[in-house]
Amino acid sequence: MSNLIKDLFFKSENFSLKLEKYFDIYEEYFSSYKGKKIIFVEIGVYNGGSLKIWKNFFGDNAKIIGIDINPECKKFEEPGIDIYIGNQSDPNFWYNFFQKVGNVDIILDDGGHTNLDQIITTAQCIPYINNGGILMVEDVQTSYINSYNSKKSLSFIHFAKKIIDDVNYTFDNSKKFNFSLNKYIYSTHFYESMVIFKVNRSKTIQNNKVDNSGINHKIEDLTWAGNKLHITTIDKTLDRINFINFKKVKKIIKNMVNSKILLKFFT
């Protein structure tokens, strides 16, 4: 089956490096934006190979923005492609960036891949993504590589797991996190080496229960009766499951160089 992004990748005049499995994911999530007036941001310019790929794929209506910490990447700027130089792990950079650019539609994080890079980028960018937009974070396998993380328990993957709880706590108001993105994220998609957040503020609102006008046969709900039969076994099983202990994570963070920055994202 033909994959346009993959074809454009191999025809690109500038060097680029991707995991092959990404191309199908790109097609699945990006195809609906083709020809539309969008702002697409890629973090990690490197040798500039991806920028024209995205420009050719999305079309002339799209504005392409590359972000890199290396000032040499400014050379890849051209009509329709803007380059911003800055550090993705610096919240001040993101504040200034969005003050200039405004909201965007797609952000592809192929930058530094450290836990600090990916967590700060997610935290700072999600509120500035338009409804119907996405944040795609690549190469999250670095969460399991020591050189990218102060502690694996403080990795981006652990942060993303916390967001699952955060989003579902819009239903259970008894739990609140100090830092929350549940006003923006309505779904999270996990792939090997990639995490994708879909943003739509209108879909994060808790839905009301509805019923139809069909016959109610008054069938008794025996949910709890069924659970009661095995409650002892269930309790023992749950005790053995290793849930993420964010209180423990909080203690570890206090000893880290970046403790003040990371602390709020895990509590």
Protein backbone atom coordinates (compact mmCIF):
# COMPACT_ATOMS: atom_id res chain seq x y z
CA MET A 1 0.00 0.00 0.00
CA SER A 2 1.40 3.40 -1.01
CA ASN A 3 2.50 5.79 1.74
CA LEU A 4 2.93 9.36 0.53
CA ILE A 5 4.93 10.57 3.51
CA LYS A 6 7.31 7.65 3.16
CA ASP A 7 7.71 8.38 -0.54
CA LEU A 8 8.44 12.06 0.19
CA PHE A 9 10.93 11.01 2.87
CA PHE A 10 13.06 9.05 0.42
CA LYS A 11 12.89 11.87 -2.14
CA SER A 12 13.91 14.58 0.32
CA GLU A 13 17.02 16.51 -0.72
CA ASN A 14 18.12 16.97 2.91
CA PHE A 15 19.03 14.19 5.32
CA SER A 16 16.41 12.87 7.74
CA LEU A 17 16.20 9.88 10.06
CA LYS A 18 12.98 8.15 11.16
CA LEU A 19 11.83 4.81 12.52
CA GLU A 20 10.07 3.03 9.67
CA LYS A 21 6.98 2.21 11.70
CA TYR A 22 6.25 5.92 12.09
CA PHE A 23 5.19 6.39 8.48
CA ASP A 24 1.90 4.51 8.82
CA ILE A 25 1.12 6.44 12.01
CA TYR A 26 1.85 9.73 10.26
CA GLU A 27 -0.53 8.83 7.45
CA GLU A 28 -3.26 7.81 9.88
CA TYR A 29 -3.14 11.00 11.96
CA PHE A 30 -2.03 13.63 9.43
CA SER A 31 -4.01 12.76 6.27
CA SER A 32 -7.15 14.61 7.35
CA TYR A 33 -5.17 17.87 7.49
CA LYS A 34 -3.94 17.75 3.88
CA GLY A 35 -4.78 20.88 1.91
CA LYS A 36 -6.06 22.69 4.99
CA LYS A 37 -4.90 25.99 6.44
CA ILE A 38 -2.99 24.72 9.47
CA ILE A 39 0.12 25.47 11.48
CA PHE A 40 2.38 22.43 11.80
CA VAL A 41 5.30 22.54 14.24
CA GLU A 42 8.18 20.07 14.32
CA ILE A 43 10.62 20.16 17.21
CA GLY A 44 14.05 18.98 16.09
CA VAL A 45 15.19 20.35 12.74
CA TYR A 46 18.54 18.52 12.61
CA ASN A 47 19.56 18.53 8.90
CA GLY A 48 16.25 19.97 7.69
CA GLY A 49 15.11 16.85 5.88
CA SER A 50 11.63 16.73 7.38
CA LEU A 51 10.56 20.33 6.81
CA LYS A 52 9.99 20.08 3.05
CA ILE A 53 8.42 16.67 3.49
CA TRP A 54 5.72 18.26 5.62
CA LYS A 55 5.36 21.23 3.30
CA ASN A 56 4.88 18.96 0.29
CA PHE A 57 2.51 16.66 2.17
CA PHE A 58 0.20 19.26 3.72
CA GLY A 59 0.26 21.66 0.77
CA ASP A 60 0.58 25.39 0.21
CA ASN A 61 -2.13 26.31 2.72
CA ALA A 62 -0.06 24.94 5.60
CA LYS A 63 2.48 26.94 7.54
CA ILE A 64 5.44 24.80 8.63
CA ILE A 65 7.51 25.76 11.67
CA GLY A 66 10.73 24.08 12.76
CA ILE A 67 12.19 24.47 16.26
CA ASP A 68 15.75 23.62 17.23
CA ILE A 69 18.24 24.60 19.91
CA ASN A 70 21.05 24.88 17.34
CA PRO A 71 21.22 28.34 15.68
CA GLU A 72 22.71 26.76 12.52
CA CYS A 73 19.26 25.35 11.73
CA LYS A 74 18.09 28.85 10.82
CA LYS A 75 19.59 28.18 7.37
CA PHE A 76 16.61 25.97 6.47
CA GLU A 77 14.15 28.84 6.66
CA GLU A 78 12.37 29.70 3.39
CA PRO A 79 8.94 30.93 2.25
CA GLY A 80 6.31 28.82 4.01
CA ILE A 81 8.85 27.40 6.48
CA ASP A 82 9.80 29.37 9.61
CA ILE A 83 12.58 28.37 12.00
CA TYR A 84 12.62 29.30 15.69
CA ILE A 85 15.74 28.77 17.79
CA GLY A 86 15.18 27.82 21.42
CA ASN A 87 15.33 25.23 24.16
CA GLN A 88 12.24 23.04 24.39
CA SER A 89 12.86 22.35 28.08
CA ASP A 90 12.63 26.10 28.85
CA PRO A 91 9.05 27.22 29.68
CA ASN A 92 10.03 30.81 28.89
CA PHE A 93 10.87 29.82 25.31
CA TRP A 94 7.40 28.33 24.85
CA TYR A 95 5.68 31.34 26.37
CA ASN A 96 7.45 33.69 23.97
CA PHE A 97 6.92 31.34 21.04
CA PHE A 98 3.15 31.15 21.45
CA GLN A 99 2.92 34.88 22.09
CA LYS A 100 4.35 35.36 18.58
CA VAL A 101 2.75 32.44 16.74
CA GLY A 102 -0.56 31.96 18.54
CA ASN A 103 -2.34 28.62 18.65
CA VAL A 104 -1.21 25.79 16.37
CA ASP A 105 -2.79 22.61 15.02
CA ILE A 106 -0.13 19.88 15.10
CA ILE A 107 3.07 19.59 17.11
CA LEU A 108 5.51 16.78 16.36
CA ASP A 109 8.12 16.41 19.09
CA ASP A 110 11.25 14.87 17.59
CA GLY A 111 13.60 16.93 19.73
CA GLY A 112 15.93 16.08 22.59
CA HIS A 113 13.92 13.07 23.89
CA THR A 114 14.92 13.54 27.56
CA ASN A 115 12.23 13.29 30.21
CA LEU A 116 12.58 17.02 30.88
CA ASP A 117 12.28 17.89 27.16
CA GLN A 118 9.19 15.79 26.59
CA ILE A 119 7.38 16.64 29.83
CA ILE A 120 7.97 20.39 29.64
CA THR A 121 6.99 20.42 25.95
CA THR A 122 3.74 18.57 26.64
CA ALA A 123 2.87 20.73 29.62
CA GLN A 124 3.60 24.01 27.85
CA CYS A 125 2.20 23.20 24.38
CA ILE A 126 -1.08 21.38 24.98
CA PRO A 127 -2.99 24.55 26.02
CA TYR A 128 -1.96 26.22 22.73
CA ILE A 129 -3.16 23.46 20.39
CA ASN A 130 -6.44 24.16 18.59
CA ASN A 131 -9.46 21.92 19.06
CA GLY A 132 -9.09 18.94 16.77
CA GLY A 133 -5.31 19.21 16.92
CA ILE A 134 -2.68 16.80 18.21
CA LEU A 135 0.65 16.55 19.96
CA MET A 136 2.70 13.60 18.72
CA VAL A 137 5.72 12.71 20.87
CA GLU A 138 8.27 10.48 19.12
CA ASP A 139 10.97 8.18 20.46
CA VAL A 140 9.48 7.73 23.90
CA GLN A 141 11.52 4.55 24.24
CA THR A 142 14.07 6.90 25.80
CA SER A 143 11.97 6.66 28.96
CA TYR A 144 13.72 3.31 29.47
CA ILE A 145 17.24 4.55 28.70
CA ASN A 146 19.22 5.79 31.70
CA SER A 147 21.16 8.48 29.87
CA TYR A 148 17.91 10.33 29.01
CA ASN A 149 16.45 10.25 32.52
CA SER A 150 17.41 11.17 36.05
CA LYS A 151 15.14 8.37 37.20
CA LYS A 152 13.07 6.01 35.09
CA SER A 153 10.22 6.53 37.55
CA LEU A 154 10.20 10.20 36.50
CA SER A 155 10.20 9.47 32.79
CA PHE A 156 7.84 10.84 30.17
CA ILE A 157 6.02 7.49 30.01
CA HIS A 158 5.22 7.72 33.72
CA PHE A 159 4.04 11.27 33.16
CA ALA A 160 1.81 10.09 30.30
CA LYS A 161 0.36 7.35 32.53
CA LYS A 162 -0.54 10.03 35.04
CA ILE A 163 -2.43 11.90 32.32
CA ILE A 164 -4.67 8.83 31.89
CA ASP A 165 -5.73 9.29 35.51
CA ASP A 166 -5.98 13.04 35.06
CA VAL A 167 -8.36 12.78 32.08
CA ASN A 168 -10.59 10.24 33.82
CA TYR A 169 -10.81 12.33 36.98
CA THR A 170 -13.11 14.70 35.11
CA PHE A 171 -15.67 12.04 36.00
CA ASP A 172 -14.59 11.52 39.61
CA ASN A 173 -14.26 14.95 41.17
CA SER A 174 -12.85 13.50 44.38
CA LYS A 175 -9.30 13.48 42.96
CA LYS A 176 -7.38 16.50 41.73
CA PHE A 177 -3.79 16.92 40.57
CA ASN A 178 -1.80 20.08 41.22
CA PHE A 179 -1.03 20.16 37.50
CA SER A 180 -3.77 19.12 35.11
CA LEU A 181 -4.33 18.98 31.34
CA ASN A 182 -7.80 17.45 31.48
CA LYS A 183 -9.42 20.63 30.15
CA TYR A 184 -7.61 20.07 26.84
CA ILE A 185 -6.82 16.37 26.29
CA TYR A 186 -9.73 14.10 25.46
CA SER A 187 -7.80 11.03 24.32
CA THR A 188 -4.30 9.58 24.52
CA HIS A 189 -2.90 6.96 22.14
CA PHE A 190 0.07 4.79 23.04
CA TYR A 191 2.25 3.11 20.43
CA GLU A 192 5.64 1.48 20.84
CA SER A 193 8.03 4.48 20.84
CA MET A 194 5.25 7.06 20.41
CA VAL A 195 2.51 8.77 22.43
CA ILE A 196 -0.19 10.93 20.82
CA PHE A 197 -2.48 13.39 22.60
CA LYS A 198 -5.68 14.56 20.90
CA VAL A 199 -6.90 17.99 21.97
CA ASN A 200 -10.52 19.10 21.99
CA ARG A 201 -11.84 21.21 24.84
CA SER A 202 -15.48 20.61 23.88
CA LYS A 203 -15.07 16.84 24.29
CA THR A 204 -13.45 16.91 27.72
CA ILE A 205 -16.68 18.00 29.38
CA GLN A 206 -18.37 15.22 31.34
CA ASN A 207 -21.35 13.98 29.31
CA ASN A 208 -24.79 13.63 30.83
CA LYS A 209 -26.38 10.20 31.01
CA VAL A 210 -29.16 9.65 28.49
CA ASP A 211 -31.75 6.94 27.99
CA ASN A 212 -34.30 6.11 25.30
CA SER A 213 -38.07 5.54 25.40
CA GLY A 214 -37.78 1.75 25.27
CA ILE A 215 -39.49 -0.65 27.66
CA ASN A 216 -37.83 -0.83 31.07
CA HIS A 217 -38.13 -4.47 32.19
CA LYS A 218 -36.87 -3.63 35.70
CA ILE A 219 -34.06 -6.19 35.52
CA GLU A 220 -32.08 -6.13 38.74
CA ASP A 221 -28.45 -5.00 38.48
CA LEU A 222 -26.38 -7.72 40.19
CA THR A 223 -22.97 -6.11 39.68
CA TRP A 224 -22.09 -6.03 43.36
CA ALA A 225 -23.55 -9.44 44.06
CA GLY A 226 -21.23 -10.89 41.45
CA ASN A 227 -18.22 -9.08 42.86
CA LYS A 228 -19.00 -10.15 46.39
CA LEU A 229 -18.42 -13.79 45.52
CA HIS A 230 -14.76 -13.15 44.84
CA ILE A 231 -14.06 -10.03 46.90
CA THR A 232 -11.31 -11.67 48.96
CA THR A 233 -9.49 -12.88 45.85
CA ILE A 234 -9.88 -9.47 44.19
CA ASP A 235 -8.45 -7.63 47.19
CA LYS A 236 -5.41 -9.91 47.30
CA THR A 237 -4.86 -9.51 43.56
CA LEU A 238 -5.08 -5.73 43.69
CA ASP A 239 -2.59 -5.65 46.54
CA ARG A 240 -0.04 -7.38 44.33
CA ILE A 241 -0.45 -4.99 41.38
CA ASN A 242 2.36 -2.46 41.26
CA PHE A 243 0.51 0.81 40.76
CA ILE A 244 2.60 3.98 40.26
CA ASN A 245 3.20 5.50 43.66
CA PHE A 246 3.32 9.20 43.01
CA LYS A 247 3.97 9.99 46.68
CA LYS A 248 7.21 8.04 46.38
CA VAL A 249 7.98 9.76 43.09
CA LYS A 250 7.45 13.10 44.79
CA LYS A 251 10.14 12.29 47.38
CA ILE A 252 12.60 11.27 44.66
CA ILE A 253 11.99 14.45 42.68
CA LYS A 254 12.99 16.62 45.64
CA ASN A 255 16.55 15.33 45.28
CA MET A 256 16.80 16.06 41.57
CA VAL A 257 18.48 19.03 39.94
CA ASN A 258 15.24 19.87 38.15
CA SER A 259 13.03 19.19 41.16
CA LYS A 260 11.24 22.55 41.18
CA ILE A 261 10.29 22.18 37.51
CA LEU A 262 9.23 18.53 37.53
CA LEU A 263 7.55 18.34 40.94
CA LYS A 264 4.20 19.85 39.92
CA PHE A 265 3.76 17.50 36.97
CA PHE A 266 3.59 14.35 39.11
CA THR A 267 1.36 15.54 41.98
